[in-house]
Amino acid sequence: MSRDIDVLVLGGAGVDTIVHVPELPLPYADSYMIRPGIETRAGQTGDFVALGLHALGLRTHHLDLLGDDPEGDLVRALHRDRGIPLTEVPQPAGTKRAVNLVGPDGRRLSLYDDTRARETDRLPEQLVRDLAAASRHAHVSITYPCAFALPVLREAGVTISTDLHDWDGENPYHEPFAYTADIVFVSATALADPERTMRRIVERGRAEVVVATAGAEGAYLLSDGEVTHVPVVEPPTPVVDSNGAGDSFAAGFLYGRLTGETPGRSALYGAVAGAHACTVPATRADAIGRADLLARAGEPRTEAAVR
């Protein structure tokens, strides 16, 4: 069977409104005068992963629900302008959107509009089956419709990755994603014991690799039963925004994985791509290219085991 798609990205298409604030948390006040101004652009988690994979030369296809609205037009334009194939399913509730408050140090607080989704939302099963049959790998966003696509992807025989984002290790909503995927990304932000959660994902699910990203502390990689520390990579220019860093890490890691690199080397690629993302202003959607990624990664390095 021909696999014309390297990575099928499911879900995570949407629009963010970027608001730069003087500090986070933002103290209450009647009003603030802010610079730079308020700007809206296409790009949520699935968009950023698709963009990152495409920039690294992987044949990428994005599938999600989109509304017939100006926000949906922004998402369609992003994919069209970057040459990323997009298959859209009509979403009567409208395109997903969020407001990102971005502080001077690049940290962000995201406010997601939960009215743009319904529990009855589904990605058509036959459509998922057909796209999966043409794909080597599927990266699944943790949006509601994607949970119902997981069994179809598994039946199609593609490997699966997912990003649990700021999962606390307990919320049952995330478990179908955590325990079905072969590669699991999660932020350590809300985890009381990252290693324990990482090992539980492996024990209860199918994951061969689990990565917990930890911001300025780097990341932690669980592979072959051993947890290793992935050092942070110094960004080439000053940090301006952390939005999309986790998605870029996932894209860099998947590039390594799908080109035959070891988990450790793949994690280094993820760290390089994530560091690059922190140098990109929140008002832009951009990703590191393959030549820059390989140049910045340099020679393979040995990761130190965490005891």
Protein backbone atom coordinates (compact mmCIF):
# COMPACT_ATOMS: atom_id res chain seq x y z
CA MET A 1 0.00 0.00 0.00
CA SER A 2 1.32 3.44 -0.96
CA ARG A 3 2.00 5.75 1.96
CA ASP A 4 2.04 9.19 0.34
CA ILE A 5 1.71 11.07 3.65
CA ASP A 6 4.48 10.98 6.24
CA VAL A 7 2.37 12.48 9.04
CA LEU A 8 -1.39 12.90 9.25
CA VAL A 9 -2.17 15.59 11.84
CA LEU A 10 -5.64 15.32 13.36
CA GLY A 11 -7.31 18.23 15.14
CA GLY A 12 -5.90 21.38 16.68
CA ALA A 13 -6.79 23.86 13.92
CA GLY A 14 -7.80 27.31 15.11
CA VAL A 15 -7.10 30.97 15.59
CA ASP A 16 -5.39 32.86 18.43
CA THR A 17 -5.79 36.50 19.39
CA ILE A 18 -2.50 37.70 20.83
CA VAL A 19 -2.59 40.31 23.61
CA HIS A 20 0.73 41.55 25.02
CA VAL A 21 0.44 42.40 28.70
CA PRO A 22 2.90 44.18 31.03
CA GLU A 23 3.15 41.21 33.39
CA LEU A 24 1.70 37.80 34.24
CA PRO A 25 -0.34 37.29 36.30
CA LEU A 26 -2.06 40.49 35.23
CA PRO A 27 -3.19 42.60 38.21
CA TYR A 28 -6.75 43.87 38.07
CA ALA A 29 -7.15 47.36 36.64
CA ASP A 30 -9.87 49.25 34.84
CA SER A 31 -7.78 49.36 31.66
CA TYR A 32 -4.30 48.94 30.20
CA MET A 33 -2.60 50.63 27.28
CA ILE A 34 -0.58 47.92 25.54
CA ARG A 35 2.11 47.72 22.87
CA PRO A 36 2.46 45.98 20.53
CA GLY A 37 -1.23 45.92 19.76
CA ILE A 38 -3.80 43.16 19.69
CA GLU A 39 -3.44 40.85 16.70
CA THR A 40 -5.28 37.76 15.48
CA ARG A 41 -3.56 35.02 13.48
CA ALA A 42 -4.16 31.41 12.51
CA GLY A 43 -2.28 28.80 14.46
CA GLN A 44 -3.18 26.44 17.29
CA THR A 45 -1.55 23.17 18.32
CA GLY A 46 -2.37 21.11 15.24
CA ASP A 47 -1.53 23.97 12.90
CA PHE A 48 1.86 24.47 14.55
CA VAL A 49 2.73 20.76 14.49
CA ALA A 50 1.74 20.55 10.81
CA LEU A 51 3.75 23.69 10.05
CA GLY A 52 6.80 22.36 11.89
CA LEU A 53 6.69 18.98 10.18
CA HIS A 54 6.23 20.56 6.76
CA ALA A 55 9.16 22.94 7.31
CA LEU A 56 11.34 19.93 8.09
CA GLY A 57 10.47 18.33 4.77
CA LEU A 58 7.96 15.72 5.90
CA ARG A 59 4.88 15.17 3.73
CA THR A 60 2.16 16.44 6.05
CA HIS A 61 -1.63 16.46 5.83
CA HIS A 62 -3.93 18.20 8.34
CA LEU A 63 -7.50 17.08 9.12
CA ASP A 64 -9.93 18.96 11.36
CA LEU A 65 -13.30 20.62 11.72
CA LEU A 66 -13.50 24.24 10.57
CA GLY A 67 -16.26 26.81 10.54
CA ASP A 68 -17.49 28.84 7.59
CA ASP A 69 -16.29 32.03 9.24
CA PRO A 70 -13.45 34.59 9.06
CA GLU A 71 -11.40 32.54 11.53
CA GLY A 72 -11.73 29.47 9.32
CA ASP A 73 -10.60 31.58 6.38
CA LEU A 74 -7.42 32.45 8.30
CA VAL A 75 -6.67 28.77 8.92
CA ARG A 76 -7.33 27.89 5.30
CA ALA A 77 -5.07 30.72 4.14
CA LEU A 78 -2.23 29.60 6.44
CA HIS A 79 -2.26 26.12 4.97
CA ARG A 80 -2.69 27.34 1.41
CA ASP A 81 0.14 29.87 1.69
CA ARG A 82 2.53 27.32 3.25
CA GLY A 83 1.56 24.50 0.87
CA ILE A 84 0.24 22.20 3.61
CA PRO A 85 -2.68 20.01 2.46
CA LEU A 86 -5.78 20.53 4.60
CA THR A 87 -8.95 18.46 4.67
CA GLU A 88 -11.72 20.26 6.51
CA VAL A 89 -14.95 18.94 7.98
CA PRO A 90 -17.75 21.54 8.41
CA GLN A 91 -18.11 22.80 11.99
CA PRO A 92 -21.44 24.64 12.52
CA ALA A 93 -20.26 25.90 15.92
CA GLY A 94 -17.43 27.80 14.24
CA THR A 95 -13.66 27.60 14.11
CA LYS A 96 -11.85 27.13 17.42
CA ARG A 97 -10.35 30.27 18.85
CA ALA A 98 -8.41 31.44 21.88
CA VAL A 99 -6.91 34.54 23.46
CA ASN A 100 -3.24 34.37 24.46
CA LEU A 101 -1.96 36.83 27.04
CA VAL A 102 1.80 37.14 26.48
CA GLY A 103 4.10 38.65 29.11
CA PRO A 104 7.39 40.52 28.53
CA ASP A 105 9.39 37.37 29.33
CA GLY A 106 7.59 35.34 26.68
CA ARG A 107 5.37 33.37 29.04
CA ARG A 108 1.75 33.02 28.02
CA LEU A 109 -1.70 32.40 29.44
CA SER A 110 -4.22 30.90 27.01
CA LEU A 111 -7.98 31.36 27.27
CA TYR A 112 -9.83 28.85 25.08
CA ASP A 113 -13.36 29.46 23.81
CA ASP A 114 -15.13 26.24 24.77
CA THR A 115 -18.29 27.09 22.83
CA ARG A 116 -16.72 26.16 19.47
CA ALA A 117 -17.13 22.43 20.01
CA ARG A 118 -19.91 19.97 20.76
CA GLU A 119 -19.88 16.46 22.21
CA THR A 120 -21.47 15.18 19.01
CA ASP A 121 -18.58 16.43 16.85
CA ARG A 122 -16.93 13.66 14.85
CA LEU A 123 -14.35 13.27 12.12
CA PRO A 124 -16.01 11.02 9.52
CA GLU A 125 -14.76 7.48 10.10
CA GLN A 126 -14.28 6.59 6.44
CA LEU A 127 -12.39 9.83 5.81
CA VAL A 128 -10.06 9.08 8.72
CA ARG A 129 -9.64 5.52 7.48
CA ASP A 130 -8.77 6.61 3.94
CA LEU A 131 -6.24 9.25 5.05
CA ALA A 132 -4.70 6.88 7.60
CA ALA A 133 -4.27 4.22 4.91
CA ALA A 134 -2.11 6.68 2.99
CA SER A 135 -0.05 7.74 6.04
CA ARG A 136 3.03 6.47 7.86
CA HIS A 137 2.19 8.16 11.15
CA ALA A 138 -0.64 10.10 12.80
CA HIS A 139 -0.25 12.90 15.34
CA VAL A 140 -3.49 13.33 17.29
CA SER A 141 -4.57 16.50 19.10
CA ILE A 142 -6.57 15.99 22.31
CA THR A 143 -9.73 17.59 20.97
CA TYR A 144 -12.96 15.71 21.56
CA PRO A 145 -13.58 14.38 17.99
CA CYS A 146 -10.06 12.96 17.81
CA ALA A 147 -10.73 10.55 20.69
CA PHE A 148 -13.22 8.73 18.48
CA ALA A 149 -10.67 8.54 15.66
CA LEU A 150 -8.09 6.69 17.77
CA PRO A 151 -9.50 3.15 17.22
CA VAL A 152 -9.73 3.79 13.46
CA LEU A 153 -6.10 4.90 13.35
CA ARG A 154 -5.03 1.85 15.34
CA GLU A 155 -6.90 -0.45 12.95
CA ALA A 156 -5.22 1.26 9.99
CA GLY A 157 -1.81 0.23 11.31
CA VAL A 158 -0.20 3.68 11.56
CA THR A 159 1.95 4.63 14.51
CA ILE A 160 0.36 7.32 16.69
CA SER A 161 1.66 10.25 18.72
CA THR A 162 -0.18 12.72 20.91
CA ASP A 163 0.51 15.72 23.12
CA LEU A 164 -1.30 15.74 26.48
CA HIS A 165 -0.18 19.34 27.12
CA ASP A 166 -0.68 20.34 30.78
CA TRP A 167 -2.27 17.07 31.93
CA ASP A 168 -2.23 16.62 35.68
CA GLY A 169 -1.83 12.87 35.37
CA GLU A 170 -5.30 12.25 36.80
CA ASN A 171 -7.95 13.78 34.50
CA PRO A 172 -9.60 10.77 32.79
CA TYR A 173 -10.31 12.78 29.62
CA HIS A 174 -6.67 12.44 28.55
CA GLU A 175 -6.37 8.70 29.20
CA PRO A 176 -7.58 7.37 25.80
CA PHE A 177 -4.92 9.51 24.13
CA ALA A 178 -2.21 8.66 26.67
CA TYR A 179 -2.82 4.91 26.55
CA THR A 180 -3.37 4.51 22.78
CA ALA A 181 -0.39 6.45 21.40
CA ASP A 182 3.02 4.98 20.65
CA ILE A 183 4.75 8.31 21.36
CA VAL A 184 3.39 10.56 24.12
CA PHE A 185 4.36 14.17 24.80
CA VAL A 186 3.27 15.89 28.00
CA SER A 187 4.21 19.09 29.80
CA ALA A 188 5.63 18.61 33.28
CA THR A 189 3.93 21.83 34.41
CA ALA A 190 1.01 20.22 36.26
CA LEU A 191 2.66 16.90 37.16
CA ALA A 192 3.53 16.35 40.82
CA ASP A 193 5.85 13.47 39.86
CA PRO A 194 6.67 13.51 36.13
CA GLU A 195 8.60 10.22 36.14
CA ARG A 196 5.80 8.35 37.89
CA THR A 197 3.27 9.63 35.35
CA MET A 198 5.58 8.79 32.45
CA ARG A 199 6.04 5.24 33.69
CA ARG A 200 2.31 4.81 34.27
CA ILE A 201 1.65 5.82 30.66
CA VAL A 202 3.99 3.06 29.49
CA GLU A 203 2.61 0.46 31.91
CA ARG A 204 -1.06 1.08 31.10
CA GLY A 205 -0.78 1.87 27.43
CA ARG A 206 1.15 1.19 24.25
CA ALA A 207 3.76 3.95 24.41
CA GLU A 208 7.31 3.09 23.45
CA VAL A 209 8.51 6.62 24.20
CA VAL A 210 7.24 9.30 26.59
CA VAL A 211 8.61 12.85 26.68
CA ALA A 212 7.87 15.32 29.46
CA THR A 213 8.88 18.85 28.49
CA ALA A 214 9.94 21.09 31.35
CA GLY A 215 10.54 24.54 29.86
CA ALA A 216 13.81 26.09 30.97
CA GLU A 217 14.79 22.80 32.64
CA GLY A 218 14.79 20.97 29.32
CA ALA A 219 12.85 17.72 29.01
CA TYR A 220 12.75 14.15 30.29
CA LEU A 221 12.72 11.14 27.99
CA LEU A 222 11.48 7.67 28.93
CA SER A 223 12.66 5.02 26.49
CA ASP A 224 13.62 1.37 27.00
CA GLY A 225 12.70 1.66 30.66
CA GLU A 226 15.19 4.44 31.40
CA VAL A 227 14.48 8.12 32.06
CA THR A 228 17.12 10.49 30.72
CA HIS A 229 17.40 14.26 30.90
CA VAL A 230 17.36 16.23 27.67
CA PRO A 231 19.26 19.49 28.27
CA VAL A 232 17.71 22.76 27.24
CA VAL A 233 19.08 24.22 24.02
CA GLU A 234 20.04 27.88 24.13
CA PRO A 235 17.93 29.85 21.63
CA PRO A 236 19.96 31.56 18.88
CA THR A 237 18.29 34.91 19.61
CA PRO A 238 16.41 36.33 22.64
CA VAL A 239 13.23 34.61 23.82
CA VAL A 240 10.14 36.60 22.88
CA ASP A 241 7.31 34.09 23.25
CA SER A 242 6.89 30.48 24.37
CA ASN A 243 3.73 29.92 22.36
CA GLY A 244 4.13 26.90 20.08
CA ALA A 245 7.35 25.67 21.71
CA GLY A 246 5.81 22.34 22.73
CA ASP A 247 4.32 21.82 19.27
CA SER A 248 7.70 22.59 17.69
CA PHE A 249 9.38 20.14 20.06
CA ALA A 250 6.93 17.45 18.96
CA ALA A 251 7.57 18.23 15.28
CA GLY A 252 11.35 18.07 15.75
CA PHE A 253 11.13 14.82 17.69
CA LEU A 254 8.86 13.22 15.08
CA TYR A 255 11.22 14.28 12.30
CA GLY A 256 14.00 12.42 14.07
CA ARG A 257 11.85 9.39 14.76
CA LEU A 258 10.59 9.11 11.19
CA THR A 259 14.06 9.49 9.73
CA GLY A 260 15.44 6.64 11.80
CA GLU A 261 17.18 8.53 14.61
CA THR A 262 17.43 7.23 18.17
CA PRO A 263 14.99 8.55 20.79
CA GLY A 264 17.80 10.58 22.35
CA ARG A 265 18.78 12.20 19.08
CA SER A 266 15.10 12.80 18.26
CA ALA A 267 14.67 14.55 21.61
CA LEU A 268 17.64 16.79 20.80
CA TYR A 269 15.95 17.74 17.53
CA GLY A 270 12.84 18.52 19.54
CA ALA A 271 14.80 20.72 21.93
CA VAL A 272 16.40 22.64 19.05
CA ALA A 273 13.03 23.17 17.34
CA GLY A 274 11.40 24.23 20.60
CA ALA A 275 14.15 26.74 21.32
CA HIS A 276 13.73 28.23 17.86
CA ALA A 277 9.99 28.61 18.45
CA CYS A 278 10.66 30.74 21.53
CA THR A 279 12.40 33.31 19.31
CA VAL A 280 9.36 33.75 17.04
CA PRO A 281 6.90 36.53 18.02
CA ALA A 282 3.45 35.32 19.02
CA THR A 283 1.92 37.22 16.13
CA ARG A 284 3.74 35.01 13.59
CA ALA A 285 3.45 31.35 12.66
CA ASP A 286 6.91 30.11 11.75
CA ALA A 287 9.06 27.01 12.20
CA ILE A 288 12.68 25.95 11.89
CA GLY A 289 13.80 24.43 8.59
CA ARG A 290 15.66 21.15 8.20
CA ALA A 291 19.06 22.67 7.36
CA ASP A 292 19.01 24.92 10.44
CA LEU A 293 17.78 22.09 12.67
CA LEU A 294 20.59 19.77 11.65
CA ALA A 295 23.21 22.51 11.87
CA ARG A 296 22.16 23.55 15.37
CA ALA A 297 21.88 19.96 16.59
CA GLY A 298 25.52 19.35 15.69
CA GLU A 299 27.11 16.05 16.59
CA PRO A 300 25.10 13.49 18.58
CA ARG A 301 25.38 13.94 22.33
CA THR A 302 25.01 11.41 25.15
CA GLU A 303 22.12 11.95 27.57
CA ALA A 304 22.77 11.44 31.27
CA ALA A 305 20.46 8.99 33.01
CA VAL A 306 18.20 10.33 35.75
CA ARG A 307 18.59 8.38 38.95
